[in-house]
């Protein structure tokens, strides 16, 4: 790789890194993690707790409490532990 190309790629990477950085406050970051974990739980406990719901349903921030409730209502010990982590 010649020096000019290497310099060009380094500049593009540096610019992209500056542009893509987000500054999230702690509460927003925690909410994003809860949604991600709720989506993961929906997939993991699909057969046990969410068998009657659309498998392509997209869990959003307002659905986290609902996912935890369904896990507690229909799940076993692992589901209960996951629900506890979702809604402390």
N, C-alpha and C. Protein backbone atom coordinates (compact mmCIF):
# COMPACT_ATOMS: atom_id res chain seq x y z
N UNK A 1 0.86 -1.16 0.00
CA UNK A 1 0.00 0.00 0.00
C UNK A 1 0.92 1.23 0.00
N UNK A 2 0.65 2.14 -0.93
CA UNK A 2 1.51 3.32 -0.99
C UNK A 2 1.13 4.33 0.09
N UNK A 3 2.01 5.24 0.34
CA UNK A 3 1.87 6.18 1.45
C UNK A 3 0.65 7.09 1.29
N UNK A 4 0.37 7.54 0.09
CA UNK A 4 -0.78 8.42 -0.16
C UNK A 4 -2.10 7.74 0.19
N UNK A 5 -2.24 6.49 -0.23
CA UNK A 5 -3.45 5.73 0.07
C UNK A 5 -3.59 5.50 1.58
N UNK A 6 -2.51 5.17 2.21
CA UNK A 6 -2.51 4.93 3.66
C UNK A 6 -2.94 6.20 4.42
N UNK A 7 -2.43 7.35 4.01
CA UNK A 7 -2.80 8.63 4.63
C UNK A 7 -4.27 8.93 4.42
N UNK A 8 -4.75 8.68 3.18
CA UNK A 8 -6.16 8.93 2.85
C UNK A 8 -7.08 8.06 3.72
N UNK A 9 -6.79 6.77 3.82
CA UNK A 9 -7.62 5.87 4.63
C UNK A 9 -7.58 6.24 6.11
N UNK A 10 -6.43 6.66 6.58
CA UNK A 10 -6.32 7.08 7.98
C UNK A 10 -7.19 8.30 8.24
N UNK A 11 -7.22 9.24 7.31
CA UNK A 11 -8.04 10.45 7.47
C UNK A 11 -9.53 10.11 7.44
N UNK A 12 -9.93 9.25 6.54
CA UNK A 12 -11.34 8.84 6.47
C UNK A 12 -11.74 8.17 7.78
N UNK A 13 -10.92 7.26 8.28
CA UNK A 13 -11.22 6.58 9.54
C UNK A 13 -11.30 7.53 10.71
N UNK A 14 -10.42 8.50 10.74
CA UNK A 14 -10.42 9.48 11.83
C UNK A 14 -11.70 10.31 11.77
N UNK A 15 -12.09 10.74 10.58
CA UNK A 15 -13.29 11.55 10.42
C UNK A 15 -14.54 10.75 10.81
N UNK A 16 -14.61 9.51 10.37
CA UNK A 16 -15.75 8.66 10.70
C UNK A 16 -15.85 8.41 12.19
N UNK A 17 -14.73 8.23 12.85
CA UNK A 17 -14.73 8.02 14.29
C UNK A 17 -15.24 9.21 15.05
N UNK A 18 -14.88 10.40 14.60
CA UNK A 18 -15.37 11.61 15.26
C UNK A 18 -16.86 11.79 15.03
N UNK A 19 -17.31 11.47 13.83
CA UNK A 19 -18.70 11.69 13.47
C UNK A 19 -19.64 10.72 14.17
N UNK A 20 -19.20 9.47 14.33
CA UNK A 20 -20.10 8.44 14.85
C UNK A 20 -20.18 8.40 16.36
N UNK A 21 -19.36 9.12 17.05
CA UNK A 21 -19.41 9.09 18.52
C UNK A 21 -20.67 9.79 19.02
N UNK A 22 -21.35 9.12 19.95
CA UNK A 22 -22.54 9.72 20.55
C UNK A 22 -22.27 9.92 22.02
N UNK A 23 -22.85 10.95 22.52
CA UNK A 23 -22.76 11.18 23.97
C UNK A 23 -24.14 10.88 24.55
N UNK A 24 -24.26 9.75 25.24
CA UNK A 24 -25.53 9.36 25.85
C UNK A 24 -25.47 9.59 27.34
N UNK A 25 -26.57 10.07 27.87
CA UNK A 25 -26.62 10.16 29.32
C UNK A 25 -26.86 8.75 29.87
N UNK A 26 -26.60 8.56 31.12
CA UNK A 26 -26.64 7.24 31.74
C UNK A 26 -28.01 6.58 31.64
N UNK A 27 -29.06 7.34 31.84
CA UNK A 27 -30.42 6.78 31.81
C UNK A 27 -30.79 6.28 30.41
N UNK A 28 -30.43 7.02 29.39
CA UNK A 28 -30.71 6.61 28.02
C UNK A 28 -29.95 5.34 27.68
N UNK A 29 -28.71 5.27 28.09
CA UNK A 29 -27.90 4.07 27.84
C UNK A 29 -28.50 2.86 28.56
N UNK A 30 -28.94 3.03 29.80
CA UNK A 30 -29.56 1.92 30.53
C UNK A 30 -30.85 1.47 29.86
N UNK A 31 -31.64 2.43 29.35
CA UNK A 31 -32.89 2.08 28.66
C UNK A 31 -32.60 1.28 27.39
N UNK A 32 -31.55 1.66 26.67
CA UNK A 32 -31.18 0.93 25.47
C UNK A 32 -30.76 -0.50 25.81
N UNK A 33 -30.05 -0.67 26.89
CA UNK A 33 -29.62 -2.01 27.31
C UNK A 33 -30.83 -2.84 27.71
N UNK A 34 -31.80 -2.24 28.43
CA UNK A 34 -33.01 -2.97 28.83
C UNK A 34 -33.79 -3.45 27.61
N UNK A 35 -33.91 -2.60 26.59
CA UNK A 35 -34.62 -3.00 25.38
C UNK A 35 -33.88 -4.15 24.69
N UNK A 36 -32.57 -4.04 24.59
CA UNK A 36 -31.78 -5.10 23.96
C UNK A 36 -31.95 -6.42 24.71
N UNK A 37 -31.92 -6.37 26.04
CA UNK A 37 -32.07 -7.58 26.83
C UNK A 37 -33.50 -8.14 26.74
N UNK A 38 -34.49 -7.27 26.65
CA UNK A 38 -35.88 -7.72 26.49
C UNK A 38 -36.06 -8.43 25.15
N UNK A 39 -35.44 -7.90 24.11
CA UNK A 39 -35.50 -8.56 22.80
C UNK A 39 -34.84 -9.93 22.84
N UNK A 40 -33.72 -10.00 23.52
CA UNK A 40 -33.01 -11.27 23.66
C UNK A 40 -33.87 -12.26 24.44
N UNK A 41 -34.52 -11.82 25.51
CA UNK A 41 -35.37 -12.70 26.31
C UNK A 41 -36.58 -13.16 25.50
N UNK A 42 -37.14 -12.28 24.68
CA UNK A 42 -38.29 -12.63 23.84
C UNK A 42 -37.91 -13.78 22.91
N UNK A 43 -36.72 -13.72 22.34
CA UNK A 43 -36.26 -14.79 21.44
C UNK A 43 -35.94 -16.07 22.23
N UNK A 44 -35.25 -15.91 23.35
CA UNK A 44 -34.79 -17.07 24.12
C UNK A 44 -35.96 -17.87 24.71
N UNK A 45 -36.97 -17.17 25.25
CA UNK A 45 -38.08 -17.83 25.92
C UNK A 45 -39.33 -17.86 25.05
N UNK A 46 -39.14 -17.80 23.75
CA UNK A 46 -40.27 -17.77 22.80
C UNK A 46 -41.19 -18.97 22.98
N UNK A 47 -40.64 -20.16 23.00
CA UNK A 47 -41.46 -21.37 23.09
C UNK A 47 -42.15 -21.51 24.45
N UNK A 48 -41.54 -21.01 25.48
CA UNK A 48 -42.06 -21.17 26.83
C UNK A 48 -43.07 -20.09 27.21
N UNK A 49 -42.78 -18.83 26.87
CA UNK A 49 -43.58 -17.72 27.36
C UNK A 49 -44.31 -16.92 26.29
N UNK A 50 -43.81 -16.94 25.08
CA UNK A 50 -44.35 -16.05 24.04
C UNK A 50 -44.82 -16.81 22.81
N UNK A 51 -45.22 -18.06 22.98
CA UNK A 51 -45.60 -18.90 21.85
C UNK A 51 -46.81 -18.37 21.09
N UNK A 52 -47.70 -17.63 21.75
CA UNK A 52 -48.92 -17.17 21.08
C UNK A 52 -48.75 -15.80 20.43
N UNK A 53 -47.58 -15.21 20.54
CA UNK A 53 -47.35 -13.88 19.98
C UNK A 53 -46.57 -13.99 18.67
N UNK A 54 -46.70 -12.97 17.86
CA UNK A 54 -46.02 -12.91 16.57
C UNK A 54 -44.51 -13.03 16.77
N UNK A 55 -43.85 -14.01 16.14
CA UNK A 55 -42.41 -14.17 16.33
C UNK A 55 -41.60 -13.00 15.78
N UNK A 56 -42.17 -12.22 14.90
CA UNK A 56 -41.47 -11.08 14.31
C UNK A 56 -41.79 -9.77 15.03
N UNK A 57 -42.49 -9.85 16.16
CA UNK A 57 -42.83 -8.65 16.90
C UNK A 57 -41.56 -7.94 17.35
N UNK A 58 -41.52 -6.64 17.16
CA UNK A 58 -40.34 -5.84 17.51
C UNK A 58 -40.56 -5.21 18.88
N UNK A 59 -39.78 -5.64 19.87
CA UNK A 59 -39.87 -5.14 21.24
C UNK A 59 -39.31 -3.73 21.27
N UNK A 60 -40.07 -2.81 21.86
CA UNK A 60 -39.63 -1.43 22.00
C UNK A 60 -39.49 -1.05 23.47
N UNK A 61 -39.15 0.19 23.73
CA UNK A 61 -38.97 0.63 25.13
C UNK A 61 -40.22 0.46 25.99
N UNK A 62 -41.39 0.63 25.39
CA UNK A 62 -42.62 0.51 26.17
C UNK A 62 -43.00 -0.94 26.45
N UNK A 63 -42.32 -1.90 25.81
CA UNK A 63 -42.65 -3.32 25.97
C UNK A 63 -41.80 -4.05 27.01
N UNK A 64 -40.81 -3.40 27.58
CA UNK A 64 -39.90 -4.06 28.50
C UNK A 64 -40.65 -4.60 29.72
N UNK A 65 -41.52 -3.81 30.30
CA UNK A 65 -42.29 -4.26 31.48
C UNK A 65 -43.21 -5.42 31.11
N UNK A 66 -43.80 -5.38 29.92
CA UNK A 66 -44.67 -6.46 29.45
C UNK A 66 -43.88 -7.76 29.30
N UNK A 67 -42.69 -7.69 28.73
CA UNK A 67 -41.85 -8.88 28.58
C UNK A 67 -41.53 -9.45 29.96
N UNK A 68 -41.17 -8.60 30.90
CA UNK A 68 -40.86 -9.07 32.26
C UNK A 68 -42.09 -9.72 32.89
N UNK A 69 -43.25 -9.13 32.70
CA UNK A 69 -44.49 -9.70 33.26
C UNK A 69 -44.77 -11.09 32.68
N UNK A 70 -44.61 -11.24 31.36
CA UNK A 70 -44.85 -12.54 30.73
C UNK A 70 -43.83 -13.58 31.19
N UNK A 71 -42.60 -13.15 31.38
CA UNK A 71 -41.58 -14.07 31.86
C UNK A 71 -41.93 -14.57 33.26
N UNK A 72 -42.41 -13.67 34.11
CA UNK A 72 -42.77 -14.06 35.48
C UNK A 72 -44.02 -14.95 35.49
N UNK A 73 -44.95 -14.65 34.61
CA UNK A 73 -46.22 -15.37 34.60
C UNK A 73 -46.08 -16.79 34.03
N UNK A 74 -45.30 -16.94 32.96
CA UNK A 74 -45.27 -18.21 32.24
C UNK A 74 -43.92 -18.94 32.29
N UNK A 75 -42.92 -18.32 32.85
CA UNK A 75 -41.58 -18.91 32.77
C UNK A 75 -41.15 -19.65 34.01
N UNK A 76 -40.05 -20.34 33.86
CA UNK A 76 -39.42 -21.04 34.97
C UNK A 76 -38.43 -20.14 35.68
N UNK A 77 -37.51 -20.77 36.38
CA UNK A 77 -36.54 -20.01 37.18
C UNK A 77 -35.65 -19.10 36.33
N UNK A 78 -35.17 -19.61 35.19
CA UNK A 78 -34.33 -18.78 34.32
C UNK A 78 -35.09 -17.56 33.82
N UNK A 79 -36.36 -17.75 33.49
CA UNK A 79 -37.18 -16.64 33.02
C UNK A 79 -37.38 -15.62 34.15
N UNK A 80 -37.58 -16.10 35.36
CA UNK A 80 -37.74 -15.20 36.50
C UNK A 80 -36.48 -14.37 36.73
N UNK A 81 -35.34 -15.01 36.63
CA UNK A 81 -34.07 -14.29 36.81
C UNK A 81 -33.89 -13.22 35.74
N UNK A 82 -34.25 -13.55 34.51
CA UNK A 82 -34.16 -12.58 33.42
C UNK A 82 -35.10 -11.42 33.66
N UNK A 83 -36.33 -11.71 34.11
CA UNK A 83 -37.31 -10.66 34.39
C UNK A 83 -36.82 -9.75 35.52
N UNK A 84 -36.17 -10.33 36.50
CA UNK A 84 -35.63 -9.52 37.61
C UNK A 84 -34.58 -8.54 37.10
N UNK A 85 -33.78 -8.97 36.15
CA UNK A 85 -32.74 -8.09 35.60
C UNK A 85 -33.35 -7.00 34.70
N UNK A 86 -34.47 -7.32 34.05
CA UNK A 86 -35.11 -6.34 33.17
C UNK A 86 -35.75 -5.20 33.96
N UNK A 87 -36.46 -5.56 35.02
CA UNK A 87 -37.17 -4.56 35.82
C UNK A 87 -36.75 -4.71 37.28
N UNK A 88 -35.70 -4.06 37.65
CA UNK A 88 -35.20 -4.20 39.04
C UNK A 88 -36.14 -3.59 40.07
